[in-house]
Amino acid sequence: MSSLIPCFAGVLLLSACAVSTTPAITTAAPAAATLEAAMADAERSVAAGDAEKAYTILRGAGSRFPAEKAPWVQIAQLKFDRGSYGEAITHALEALQRDPGDRQGNSIVAVAGLRLSTKAVADLSQHNHLGGPLRTEAQQLASLLRTTLGEEVLVPNRNGKPAAAKKPAGTIKRTASNQTTSADPFGALK
C-alpha cells in the first residue's frame, strides 16, 4: 500500500498538469480570416462610431496580410477624416510602400501635407516670422501649386471666389505695429 501512494500522487500530479495546459477559452472576437472580412468588420465599427476598434482591426489585418495596402489606406483615410493629418500621412506612406502608384494614398499625402503646411505658414505669418529664405521658398511653392492646379489664386476669398484684384508681389499693408492686416496667410503669395 505504501508503494501505491507515490504512484497515486504521481497520477494526480500529471492529471493536474494536463488540466492546466489546456487552452483557455477566450471571449474575444476571432480574427477575421480574410482581408475582405477584416475590412468589412472595420467598416461596421466605423459605422457604429467605434473608430478605435476599427483601427485595431485594420492594424491586425495589416499584420496578417503584410503585402496588402488596403488596411493602411483605410487607416490613413480615417485619420485624415478626423483631422489627424500627420498620422494620415504616416499610414498613407505605409500603403505607398506596397503600391507607389496608389491614387488615394498619394492624394492623402498631398492634401494632408498641404493642410499641415497651411497651418504652419498661418502660424508663422500670425507671429510675423515669415521672411527671408522661408518666404522665398513659400512663394516658389505657391507658384508651383498655382501652375500644377491651373489656378491663378490658391486661396479664394471668404465667399469662395477669387480675389478681385491681385496686389503686386511684396506689397503688404501693414499696421502701425508692423503686422499684416490680412487674415489670409497666403495673401502675399497670390
N, C-alpha and C. Protein backbone atom coordinates (compact mmCIF):
# COMPACT_ATOMS: atom_id res chain seq x y z
N MET A 1 0.82 -1.18 0.00
CA MET A 1 0.00 0.00 0.00
C MET A 1 0.86 1.25 0.00
N SER A 2 1.98 1.23 0.71
CA SER A 2 2.84 2.40 0.76
C SER A 2 3.46 2.69 -0.60
N SER A 3 3.62 1.69 -1.46
CA SER A 3 4.16 1.94 -2.80
C SER A 3 3.08 2.50 -3.74
N LEU A 4 1.82 2.31 -3.40
CA LEU A 4 0.74 2.85 -4.22
C LEU A 4 0.52 4.34 -4.00
N ILE A 5 0.87 4.83 -2.84
CA ILE A 5 0.67 6.25 -2.54
C ILE A 5 1.53 7.12 -3.46
N PRO A 6 2.85 6.82 -3.63
CA PRO A 6 3.62 7.65 -4.56
C PRO A 6 3.11 7.55 -5.99
N CYS A 7 2.65 6.37 -6.41
CA CYS A 7 2.10 6.22 -7.77
C CYS A 7 0.83 7.05 -7.91
N PHE A 8 -0.02 6.98 -6.88
CA PHE A 8 -1.27 7.74 -6.92
C PHE A 8 -0.99 9.24 -6.94
N ALA A 9 -0.01 9.67 -6.15
CA ALA A 9 0.39 11.09 -6.12
C ALA A 9 0.92 11.51 -7.48
N GLY A 10 1.70 10.65 -8.14
CA GLY A 10 2.23 10.95 -9.47
C GLY A 10 1.12 11.09 -10.50
N VAL A 11 0.12 10.21 -10.43
CA VAL A 11 -1.01 10.28 -11.36
C VAL A 11 -1.78 11.58 -11.16
N LEU A 12 -2.01 11.96 -9.89
CA LEU A 12 -2.72 13.20 -9.60
C LEU A 12 -1.93 14.41 -10.11
N LEU A 13 -0.61 14.39 -9.93
CA LEU A 13 0.24 15.48 -10.39
C LEU A 13 0.19 15.61 -11.90
N LEU A 14 0.28 14.47 -12.60
CA LEU A 14 0.21 14.50 -14.06
C LEU A 14 -1.16 14.97 -14.55
N SER A 15 -2.20 14.55 -13.89
CA SER A 15 -3.53 14.98 -14.33
C SER A 15 -3.73 16.47 -14.06
N ALA A 16 -3.16 16.98 -13.00
CA ALA A 16 -3.25 18.41 -12.72
C ALA A 16 -2.51 19.21 -13.78
N CYS A 17 -1.36 18.72 -14.21
CA CYS A 17 -0.61 19.41 -15.27
C CYS A 17 -1.37 19.38 -16.58
N ALA A 18 -2.01 18.27 -16.86
CA ALA A 18 -2.76 18.16 -18.10
C ALA A 18 -3.91 19.14 -18.12
N VAL A 19 -4.56 19.36 -17.00
CA VAL A 19 -5.67 20.29 -16.92
C VAL A 19 -5.18 21.71 -17.08
N SER A 20 -4.04 22.05 -16.50
CA SER A 20 -3.56 23.43 -16.53
C SER A 20 -2.99 23.83 -17.89
N THR A 21 -2.67 22.86 -18.75
CA THR A 21 -2.11 23.22 -20.06
C THR A 21 -3.15 23.25 -21.16
N THR A 22 -4.41 23.04 -20.83
CA THR A 22 -5.43 23.13 -21.87
C THR A 22 -5.61 24.60 -22.23
N PRO A 23 -5.88 24.88 -23.49
CA PRO A 23 -6.03 26.29 -23.89
C PRO A 23 -7.22 26.93 -23.21
N ALA A 24 -7.02 28.16 -22.81
CA ALA A 24 -8.09 28.91 -22.16
C ALA A 24 -9.11 29.34 -23.20
N ILE A 25 -10.34 29.37 -22.79
CA ILE A 25 -11.41 29.82 -23.67
C ILE A 25 -11.45 31.33 -23.59
N THR A 26 -11.36 31.97 -24.74
CA THR A 26 -11.36 33.43 -24.76
C THR A 26 -12.71 33.92 -25.22
N THR A 27 -13.05 35.11 -24.78
CA THR A 27 -14.30 35.72 -25.19
C THR A 27 -14.07 36.77 -26.27
N ALA A 28 -12.82 36.99 -26.64
CA ALA A 28 -12.53 37.97 -27.68
C ALA A 28 -13.03 37.46 -29.02
N ALA A 29 -13.39 38.39 -29.88
CA ALA A 29 -13.88 38.01 -31.21
C ALA A 29 -12.74 37.40 -32.00
N PRO A 30 -13.01 36.35 -32.76
CA PRO A 30 -11.95 35.74 -33.55
C PRO A 30 -11.47 36.70 -34.64
N ALA A 31 -10.21 36.59 -34.98
CA ALA A 31 -9.65 37.44 -36.02
C ALA A 31 -10.29 37.10 -37.35
N ALA A 32 -10.49 38.11 -38.15
CA ALA A 32 -11.09 37.89 -39.46
C ALA A 32 -10.17 37.00 -40.29
N ALA A 33 -10.77 36.02 -40.92
CA ALA A 33 -9.99 35.04 -41.67
C ALA A 33 -9.47 35.60 -42.99
N THR A 34 -10.17 36.55 -43.56
CA THR A 34 -9.74 37.11 -44.83
C THR A 34 -9.61 38.62 -44.72
N LEU A 35 -8.91 39.18 -45.66
CA LEU A 35 -8.76 40.64 -45.70
C LEU A 35 -10.12 41.30 -45.89
N GLU A 36 -10.94 40.72 -46.76
CA GLU A 36 -12.26 41.29 -47.02
C GLU A 36 -13.10 41.30 -45.74
N ALA A 37 -13.01 40.23 -44.96
CA ALA A 37 -13.77 40.17 -43.71
C ALA A 37 -13.27 41.22 -42.72
N ALA A 38 -11.96 41.40 -42.65
CA ALA A 38 -11.40 42.41 -41.76
C ALA A 38 -11.84 43.82 -42.17
N MET A 39 -11.82 44.09 -43.47
CA MET A 39 -12.22 45.40 -43.96
C MET A 39 -13.71 45.64 -43.66
N ALA A 40 -14.52 44.61 -43.82
CA ALA A 40 -15.96 44.73 -43.52
C ALA A 40 -16.18 44.95 -42.02
N ASP A 41 -15.43 44.24 -41.18
CA ASP A 41 -15.52 44.44 -39.73
C ASP A 41 -15.15 45.87 -39.35
N ALA A 42 -14.09 46.39 -39.96
CA ALA A 42 -13.66 47.75 -39.69
C ALA A 42 -14.72 48.76 -40.12
N GLU A 43 -15.32 48.54 -41.27
CA GLU A 43 -16.39 49.43 -41.75
C GLU A 43 -17.57 49.43 -40.78
N ARG A 44 -17.93 48.25 -40.29
CA ARG A 44 -19.04 48.17 -39.33
C ARG A 44 -18.68 48.91 -38.04
N SER A 45 -17.45 48.80 -37.61
CA SER A 45 -17.02 49.52 -36.40
C SER A 45 -17.09 51.02 -36.59
N VAL A 46 -16.67 51.49 -37.75
CA VAL A 46 -16.73 52.92 -38.04
C VAL A 46 -18.19 53.38 -38.07
N ALA A 47 -19.03 52.61 -38.72
CA ALA A 47 -20.45 52.95 -38.80
C ALA A 47 -21.10 52.99 -37.41
N ALA A 48 -20.61 52.14 -36.51
CA ALA A 48 -21.13 52.12 -35.13
C ALA A 48 -20.50 53.20 -34.27
N GLY A 49 -19.56 53.96 -34.83
CA GLY A 49 -18.92 55.05 -34.09
C GLY A 49 -17.74 54.62 -33.26
N ASP A 50 -17.21 53.43 -33.48
CA ASP A 50 -16.07 52.92 -32.71
C ASP A 50 -14.82 52.91 -33.58
N ALA A 51 -14.24 54.08 -33.78
CA ALA A 51 -13.05 54.21 -34.63
C ALA A 51 -11.86 53.46 -34.05
N GLU A 52 -11.73 53.44 -32.74
CA GLU A 52 -10.59 52.76 -32.13
C GLU A 52 -10.62 51.26 -32.44
N LYS A 53 -11.79 50.66 -32.40
CA LYS A 53 -11.92 49.25 -32.74
C LYS A 53 -11.56 49.04 -34.21
N ALA A 54 -11.99 49.96 -35.05
CA ALA A 54 -11.66 49.87 -36.49
C ALA A 54 -10.15 49.94 -36.69
N TYR A 55 -9.47 50.84 -35.98
CA TYR A 55 -8.00 50.93 -36.10
C TYR A 55 -7.36 49.61 -35.70
N THR A 56 -7.84 49.03 -34.60
CA THR A 56 -7.28 47.76 -34.12
C THR A 56 -7.48 46.66 -35.16
N ILE A 57 -8.65 46.58 -35.72
CA ILE A 57 -8.94 45.56 -36.74
C ILE A 57 -8.04 45.77 -37.96
N LEU A 58 -7.92 47.02 -38.39
CA LEU A 58 -7.13 47.31 -39.59
C LEU A 58 -5.64 47.08 -39.36
N ARG A 59 -5.14 47.44 -38.18
CA ARG A 59 -3.72 47.16 -37.87
C ARG A 59 -3.47 45.65 -37.86
N GLY A 60 -4.41 44.89 -37.29
CA GLY A 60 -4.29 43.44 -37.29
C GLY A 60 -4.29 42.88 -38.70
N ALA A 61 -5.15 43.42 -39.55
CA ALA A 61 -5.19 42.98 -40.95
C ALA A 61 -3.89 43.33 -41.65
N GLY A 62 -3.33 44.49 -41.33
CA GLY A 62 -2.04 44.87 -41.92
C GLY A 62 -0.93 43.92 -41.51
N SER A 63 -1.00 43.42 -40.28
CA SER A 63 -0.01 42.45 -39.81
C SER A 63 -0.20 41.07 -40.43
N ARG A 64 -1.46 40.65 -40.56
CA ARG A 64 -1.75 39.32 -41.13
C ARG A 64 -1.55 39.28 -42.64
N PHE A 65 -1.75 40.41 -43.30
CA PHE A 65 -1.61 40.48 -44.76
C PHE A 65 -0.61 41.59 -45.09
N PRO A 66 0.68 41.35 -44.82
CA PRO A 66 1.68 42.42 -44.93
C PRO A 66 1.88 42.99 -46.33
N ALA A 67 1.50 42.27 -47.35
CA ALA A 67 1.68 42.77 -48.72
C ALA A 67 0.50 43.63 -49.19
N GLU A 68 -0.56 43.68 -48.41
CA GLU A 68 -1.77 44.41 -48.82
C GLU A 68 -1.73 45.86 -48.38
N LYS A 69 -2.14 46.73 -49.27
CA LYS A 69 -2.18 48.17 -48.98
C LYS A 69 -3.50 48.61 -48.36
N ALA A 70 -4.57 47.86 -48.60
CA ALA A 70 -5.93 48.28 -48.22
C ALA A 70 -6.08 48.67 -46.74
N PRO A 71 -5.54 47.89 -45.79
CA PRO A 71 -5.72 48.31 -44.39
C PRO A 71 -5.07 49.66 -44.10
N TRP A 72 -3.91 49.88 -44.71
CA TRP A 72 -3.16 51.12 -44.45
C TRP A 72 -3.85 52.32 -45.10
N VAL A 73 -4.40 52.13 -46.28
CA VAL A 73 -5.14 53.22 -46.93
C VAL A 73 -6.36 53.57 -46.10
N GLN A 74 -7.05 52.55 -45.59
CA GLN A 74 -8.26 52.79 -44.80
C GLN A 74 -7.93 53.52 -43.50
N ILE A 75 -6.85 53.11 -42.83
CA ILE A 75 -6.45 53.81 -41.60
C ILE A 75 -6.10 55.26 -41.94
N ALA A 76 -5.35 55.47 -43.03
CA ALA A 76 -4.98 56.82 -43.43
C ALA A 76 -6.22 57.67 -43.69
N GLN A 77 -7.21 57.11 -44.35
CA GLN A 77 -8.44 57.86 -44.64
C GLN A 77 -9.18 58.19 -43.36
N LEU A 78 -9.25 57.24 -42.43
CA LEU A 78 -9.93 57.50 -41.16
C LEU A 78 -9.22 58.62 -40.38
N LYS A 79 -7.89 58.56 -40.34
CA LYS A 79 -7.13 59.60 -39.64
C LYS A 79 -7.31 60.95 -40.31
N PHE A 80 -7.29 60.97 -41.65
CA PHE A 80 -7.49 62.20 -42.40
C PHE A 80 -8.86 62.79 -42.10
N ASP A 81 -9.89 61.95 -42.13
CA ASP A 81 -11.25 62.42 -41.88
C ASP A 81 -11.42 63.00 -40.49
N ARG A 82 -10.58 62.58 -39.56
CA ARG A 82 -10.66 63.08 -38.19
C ARG A 82 -9.66 64.21 -37.92
N GLY A 83 -8.97 64.67 -38.98
CA GLY A 83 -8.07 65.81 -38.84
C GLY A 83 -6.70 65.48 -38.28
N SER A 84 -6.36 64.21 -38.17
CA SER A 84 -5.04 63.79 -37.70
C SER A 84 -4.13 63.63 -38.92
N TYR A 85 -3.73 64.77 -39.49
CA TYR A 85 -3.04 64.77 -40.78
C TYR A 85 -1.66 64.12 -40.73
N GLY A 86 -0.93 64.32 -39.67
CA GLY A 86 0.38 63.68 -39.55
C GLY A 86 0.28 62.16 -39.55
N GLU A 87 -0.66 61.64 -38.76
CA GLU A 87 -0.87 60.19 -38.72
C GLU A 87 -1.41 59.69 -40.06
N ALA A 88 -2.26 60.48 -40.70
CA ALA A 88 -2.79 60.09 -42.01
C ALA A 88 -1.65 59.93 -43.01
N ILE A 89 -0.71 60.85 -42.98
CA ILE A 89 0.44 60.77 -43.89
C ILE A 89 1.26 59.52 -43.60
N THR A 90 1.51 59.25 -42.33
CA THR A 90 2.29 58.08 -41.95
C THR A 90 1.67 56.79 -42.48
N HIS A 91 0.37 56.63 -42.31
CA HIS A 91 -0.31 55.41 -42.76
C HIS A 91 -0.43 55.36 -44.28
N ALA A 92 -0.62 56.51 -44.91
CA ALA A 92 -0.67 56.53 -46.37
C ALA A 92 0.69 56.14 -46.95
N LEU A 93 1.76 56.54 -46.29
CA LEU A 93 3.10 56.15 -46.76
C LEU A 93 3.31 54.64 -46.62
N GLU A 94 2.71 54.03 -45.59
CA GLU A 94 2.75 52.57 -45.46
C GLU A 94 2.09 51.92 -46.68
N ALA A 95 0.94 52.46 -47.08
CA ALA A 95 0.25 51.93 -48.25
C ALA A 95 1.09 52.14 -49.51
N LEU A 96 1.73 53.28 -49.62
CA LEU A 96 2.52 53.59 -50.81
C LEU A 96 3.78 52.73 -50.90
N GLN A 97 4.26 52.21 -49.78
CA GLN A 97 5.37 51.27 -49.83
C GLN A 97 4.94 49.99 -50.54
N ARG A 98 3.67 49.66 -50.42
CA ARG A 98 3.15 48.44 -51.05
C ARG A 98 2.71 48.69 -52.49
N ASP A 99 2.26 49.91 -52.78
CA ASP A 99 1.83 50.28 -54.12
C ASP A 99 2.11 51.77 -54.33
N PRO A 100 3.28 52.11 -54.86
CA PRO A 100 3.65 53.52 -55.03
C PRO A 100 2.70 54.32 -55.92
N GLY A 101 1.93 53.66 -56.74
CA GLY A 101 1.01 54.36 -57.63
C GLY A 101 -0.40 54.50 -57.09
N ASP A 102 -0.63 54.13 -55.83
CA ASP A 102 -1.98 54.20 -55.28
C ASP A 102 -2.46 55.64 -55.23
N ARG A 103 -3.53 55.91 -55.95
CA ARG A 103 -4.04 57.28 -56.08
C ARG A 103 -4.54 57.83 -54.75
N GLN A 104 -5.30 57.03 -54.00
CA GLN A 104 -5.84 57.52 -52.74
C GLN A 104 -4.72 57.81 -51.74
N GLY A 105 -3.73 56.92 -51.66
CA GLY A 105 -2.60 57.15 -50.76
C GLY A 105 -1.84 58.41 -51.11
N ASN A 106 -1.57 58.59 -52.40
CA ASN A 106 -0.87 59.81 -52.83
C ASN A 106 -1.70 61.05 -52.57
N SER A 107 -3.00 60.98 -52.76
CA SER A 107 -3.88 62.12 -52.50
C SER A 107 -3.89 62.49 -51.02
N ILE A 108 -3.94 61.48 -50.17
CA ILE A 108 -3.94 61.74 -48.73
C ILE A 108 -2.63 62.41 -48.32
N VAL A 109 -1.51 61.91 -48.83
CA VAL A 109 -0.21 62.51 -48.50
C VAL A 109 -0.18 63.97 -48.97
N ALA A 110 -0.63 64.22 -50.20
CA ALA A 110 -0.57 65.57 -50.75
C ALA A 110 -1.47 66.54 -49.99
N VAL A 111 -2.73 66.18 -49.82
CA VAL A 111 -3.68 67.11 -49.20
C VAL A 111 -3.40 67.27 -47.71
N ALA A 112 -3.10 66.18 -47.02
CA ALA A 112 -2.77 66.30 -45.59
C ALA A 112 -1.51 67.13 -45.40
N GLY A 113 -0.53 66.94 -46.28
CA GLY A 113 0.69 67.74 -46.22
C GLY A 113 0.41 69.22 -46.44
N LEU A 114 -0.47 69.51 -47.39
CA LEU A 114 -0.83 70.91 -47.64
C LEU A 114 -1.57 71.51 -46.45
N ARG A 115 -2.43 70.73 -45.84
CA ARG A 115 -3.16 71.26 -44.68
C ARG A 115 -2.22 71.54 -43.51
N LEU A 116 -1.26 70.64 -43.30
CA LEU A 116 -0.27 70.90 -42.24
C LEU A 116 0.58 72.11 -42.58
N SER A 117 0.98 72.21 -43.84
CA SER A 117 1.80 73.34 -44.29
C SER A 117 1.03 74.65 -44.16
N THR A 118 -0.22 74.65 -44.55
CA THR A 118 -1.04 75.86 -44.45
C THR A 118 -1.13 76.33 -43.02
N LYS A 119 -1.34 75.39 -42.11
CA LYS A 119 -1.41 75.76 -40.69
C LYS A 119 -0.08 76.33 -40.20
N ALA A 120 1.01 75.68 -40.60
CA ALA A 120 2.33 76.16 -40.16
C ALA A 120 2.63 77.55 -40.72
N VAL A 121 2.30 77.78 -41.99
CA VAL A 121 2.54 79.11 -42.59
C VAL A 121 1.65 80.15 -41.93
N ALA A 122 0.40 79.78 -41.64
CA ALA A 122 -0.50 80.72 -40.96
C ALA A 122 0.03 81.08 -39.58
N ASP A 123 0.54 80.09 -38.86
CA ASP A 123 1.12 80.35 -37.54
C ASP A 123 2.33 81.26 -37.64
N LEU A 124 3.20 80.99 -38.61
CA LEU A 124 4.38 81.85 -38.81
C LEU A 124 3.97 83.26 -39.20
N SER A 125 3.01 83.35 -40.09
CA SER A 125 2.56 84.66 -40.56
C SER A 125 1.92 85.45 -39.43
N GLN A 126 1.16 84.76 -38.59
CA GLN A 126 0.50 85.43 -37.47
C GLN A 126 1.53 86.05 -36.53
N HIS A 127 2.65 85.40 -36.37
CA HIS A 127 3.69 85.90 -35.48
C HIS A 127 4.73 86.71 -36.24
N ASN A 128 4.45 86.99 -37.52
CA ASN A 128 5.32 87.80 -38.37
C ASN A 128 6.73 87.21 -38.47
N HIS A 129 6.82 85.87 -38.58
CA HIS A 129 8.11 85.20 -38.71
C HIS A 129 8.33 84.63 -40.10
N LEU A 130 7.51 85.03 -41.06
CA LEU A 130 7.65 84.51 -42.41
C LEU A 130 8.45 85.52 -43.22
N GLY A 131 9.73 85.27 -43.35
CA GLY A 131 10.58 86.19 -44.08
C GLY A 131 11.82 85.49 -44.60
N GLY A 132 12.65 86.22 -45.31
CA GLY A 132 13.91 85.70 -45.81
C GLY A 132 13.74 84.51 -46.73
N PRO A 133 14.63 83.53 -46.60
CA PRO A 133 14.58 82.36 -47.49
C PRO A 133 13.28 81.56 -47.34
N LEU A 134 12.70 81.53 -46.16
CA LEU A 134 11.45 80.81 -45.94
C LEU A 134 10.33 81.44 -46.76
N ARG A 135 10.29 82.76 -46.78
CA ARG A 135 9.27 83.46 -47.57
C ARG A 135 9.47 83.18 -49.05
N THR A 136 10.71 83.24 -49.52
CA THR A 136 11.00 82.99 -50.93
C THR A 136 10.59 81.58 -51.32
N GLU A 137 10.91 80.60 -50.48
CA GLU A 137 10.54 79.23 -50.78
C GLU A 137 9.03 79.06 -50.78
N ALA A 138 8.34 79.71 -49.85
CA ALA A 138 6.88 79.63 -49.82
C ALA A 138 6.28 80.23 -51.09
N GLN A 139 6.84 81.33 -51.57
CA GLN A 139 6.35 81.93 -52.81
C GLN A 139 6.59 81.00 -54.00
N GLN A 140 7.74 80.34 -54.03
CA GLN A 140 8.03 79.40 -55.12
C GLN A 140 7.08 78.21 -55.08
N LEU A 141 6.82 77.71 -53.89
CA LEU A 141 5.87 76.59 -53.76
C LEU A 141 4.46 77.01 -54.16
N ALA A 142 4.06 78.23 -53.78
CA ALA A 142 2.73 78.72 -54.17
C ALA A 142 2.63 78.83 -55.69
N SER A 143 3.69 79.31 -56.32
CA SER A 143 3.71 79.41 -57.78
C SER A 143 3.60 78.02 -58.42
N LEU A 144 4.34 77.05 -57.88
CA LEU A 144 4.27 75.69 -58.38
C LEU A 144 2.87 75.11 -58.22
N LEU A 145 2.24 75.36 -57.08
CA LEU A 145 0.88 74.89 -56.85
C LEU A 145 -0.10 75.53 -57.83
N ARG A 146 0.02 76.86 -58.04
CA ARG A 146 -0.87 77.53 -58.99
C ARG A 146 -0.73 76.92 -60.37
N THR A 147 0.52 76.67 -60.80
CA THR A 147 0.75 76.08 -62.11
C THR A 147 0.20 74.66 -62.19
N THR A 148 0.46 73.86 -61.17
CA THR A 148 0.01 72.47 -61.15
C THR A 148 -1.50 72.36 -61.15
N LEU A 149 -2.15 73.20 -60.35
CA LEU A 149 -3.61 73.15 -60.23
C LEU A 149 -4.32 73.94 -61.33
N GLY A 150 -3.58 74.77 -62.06
CA GLY A 150 -4.20 75.58 -63.10
C GLY A 150 -5.05 76.70 -62.53
N GLU A 151 -4.69 77.19 -61.37
CA GLU A 151 -5.45 78.25 -60.70
C GLU A 151 -4.58 79.48 -60.56
N GLU A 152 -5.19 80.65 -60.77
CA GLU A 152 -4.45 81.89 -60.55
C GLU A 152 -4.36 82.22 -59.07
N VAL A 153 -5.41 81.83 -58.32
CA VAL A 153 -5.47 82.12 -56.90
C VAL A 153 -5.62 80.80 -56.15
N LEU A 154 -4.73 80.57 -55.19
CA LEU A 154 -4.78 79.32 -54.43
C LEU A 154 -5.84 79.34 -53.34
N VAL A 155 -5.97 80.46 -52.66
CA VAL A 155 -6.91 80.56 -51.55
C VAL A 155 -7.98 81.58 -51.92
N PRO A 156 -9.20 81.13 -52.21
CA PRO A 156 -10.26 82.08 -52.58
C PRO A 156 -10.66 82.93 -51.38
N ASN A 157 -11.33 84.06 -51.68
CA ASN A 157 -11.77 84.90 -50.56
C ASN A 157 -12.92 84.21 -49.84
N ARG A 158 -13.47 84.84 -48.85
CA ARG A 158 -14.45 84.20 -47.97
C ARG A 158 -15.70 83.69 -48.69
N ASN A 159 -16.10 84.31 -49.79
CA ASN A 159 -17.31 83.86 -50.48
C ASN A 159 -17.00 82.79 -51.52
N GLY A 160 -15.75 82.29 -51.55
CA GLY A 160 -15.39 81.19 -52.43
C GLY A 160 -14.95 81.61 -53.81
N LYS A 161 -14.89 82.93 -54.07
CA LYS A 161 -14.50 83.43 -55.39
C LYS A 161 -13.07 83.96 -55.33
N PRO A 162 -12.36 83.93 -56.46
CA PRO A 162 -11.02 84.51 -56.47
C PRO A 162 -11.07 85.98 -56.10
N ALA A 163 -10.01 86.46 -55.50
CA ALA A 163 -9.93 87.86 -55.12
C ALA A 163 -10.05 88.74 -56.36
N ALA A 164 -10.69 89.91 -56.22
CA ALA A 164 -10.95 90.78 -57.36
C ALA A 164 -9.68 91.32 -58.00
N ALA A 165 -8.76 91.75 -57.20
CA ALA A 165 -7.53 92.32 -57.75
C ALA A 165 -6.34 91.74 -56.99
N LYS A 166 -5.29 91.47 -57.75
CA LYS A 166 -4.09 90.94 -57.12
C LYS A 166 -3.14 92.09 -56.86
N LYS A 167 -2.54 92.09 -55.67
CA LYS A 167 -1.54 93.10 -55.35
C LYS A 167 -0.21 92.67 -55.95
N PRO A 168 0.63 93.61 -56.31
CA PRO A 168 1.96 93.24 -56.80
C PRO A 168 2.71 92.49 -55.70
N ALA A 169 3.57 91.60 -56.12
CA ALA A 169 4.35 90.80 -55.16
C ALA A 169 5.12 91.70 -54.22
N GLY A 170 5.11 91.36 -52.96
CA GLY A 170 5.87 92.12 -51.96
C GLY A 170 5.07 93.27 -51.37
N THR A 171 3.87 93.57 -51.87
CA THR A 171 3.07 94.66 -51.35
C THR A 171 2.12 94.11 -50.30
N ILE A 172 2.39 94.47 -49.06
CA ILE A 172 1.57 94.02 -47.95
C ILE A 172 1.22 95.25 -47.12
N LYS A 173 -0.04 95.44 -46.84
CA LYS A 173 -0.46 96.55 -45.99
C LYS A 173 -0.12 96.21 -44.55
N ARG A 174 0.56 97.09 -43.89
CA ARG A 174 0.97 96.85 -42.51
C ARG A 174 0.34 97.89 -41.59
N THR A 175 0.12 97.49 -40.35
CA THR A 175 -0.42 98.40 -39.35
C THR A 175 0.74 99.12 -38.68
N ALA A 176 0.41 99.98 -37.75
CA ALA A 176 1.44 100.72 -37.03
C ALA A 176 2.38 99.78 -36.28
N SER A 177 1.89 98.61 -35.86
CA SER A 177 2.74 97.67 -35.14
C SER A 177 3.50 96.75 -36.09
N ASN A 178 3.45 97.06 -37.40
CA ASN A 178 4.18 96.34 -38.44
C ASN A 178 3.69 94.91 -38.62
N GLN A 179 2.40 94.67 -38.37
CA GLN A 179 1.82 93.37 -38.63
C GLN A 179 0.90 93.48 -39.84
N THR A 180 0.79 92.40 -40.58
CA THR A 180 -0.08 92.44 -41.74
C THR A 180 -1.53 92.51 -41.29
N THR A 181 -2.36 93.18 -42.12
CA THR A 181 -3.77 93.30 -41.77
C THR A 181 -4.59 92.20 -42.41
N SER A 182 -3.99 91.42 -43.29
CA SER A 182 -4.71 90.36 -43.96
C SER A 182 -4.84 89.14 -43.05
N ALA A 183 -6.04 88.56 -43.01
CA ALA A 183 -6.23 87.33 -42.24
C ALA A 183 -5.77 86.13 -43.05
N ASP A 184 -5.51 86.33 -44.33
CA ASP A 184 -5.10 85.27 -45.23
C ASP A 184 -3.59 85.14 -45.21
N PRO A 185 -3.04 84.01 -44.70
CA PRO A 185 -1.59 83.88 -44.61
C PRO A 185 -0.93 83.77 -45.99
N PHE A 186 -1.71 83.45 -47.02
CA PHE A 186 -1.14 83.35 -48.36
C PHE A 186 -1.39 84.60 -49.19
N GLY A 187 -1.89 85.66 -48.56
CA GLY A 187 -2.23 86.88 -49.28
C GLY A 187 -1.08 87.43 -50.10
N ALA A 188 0.10 87.42 -49.54
CA ALA A 188 1.26 87.95 -50.25
C ALA A 188 1.76 86.98 -51.32
N LEU A 189 1.28 85.76 -51.28
CA LEU A 189 1.76 84.77 -52.23
C LEU A 189 0.88 84.69 -53.47
N LYS A 190 -0.24 85.39 -53.47
CA LYS A 190 -1.17 85.32 -54.61
C LYS A 190 -0.66 86.09 -55.80
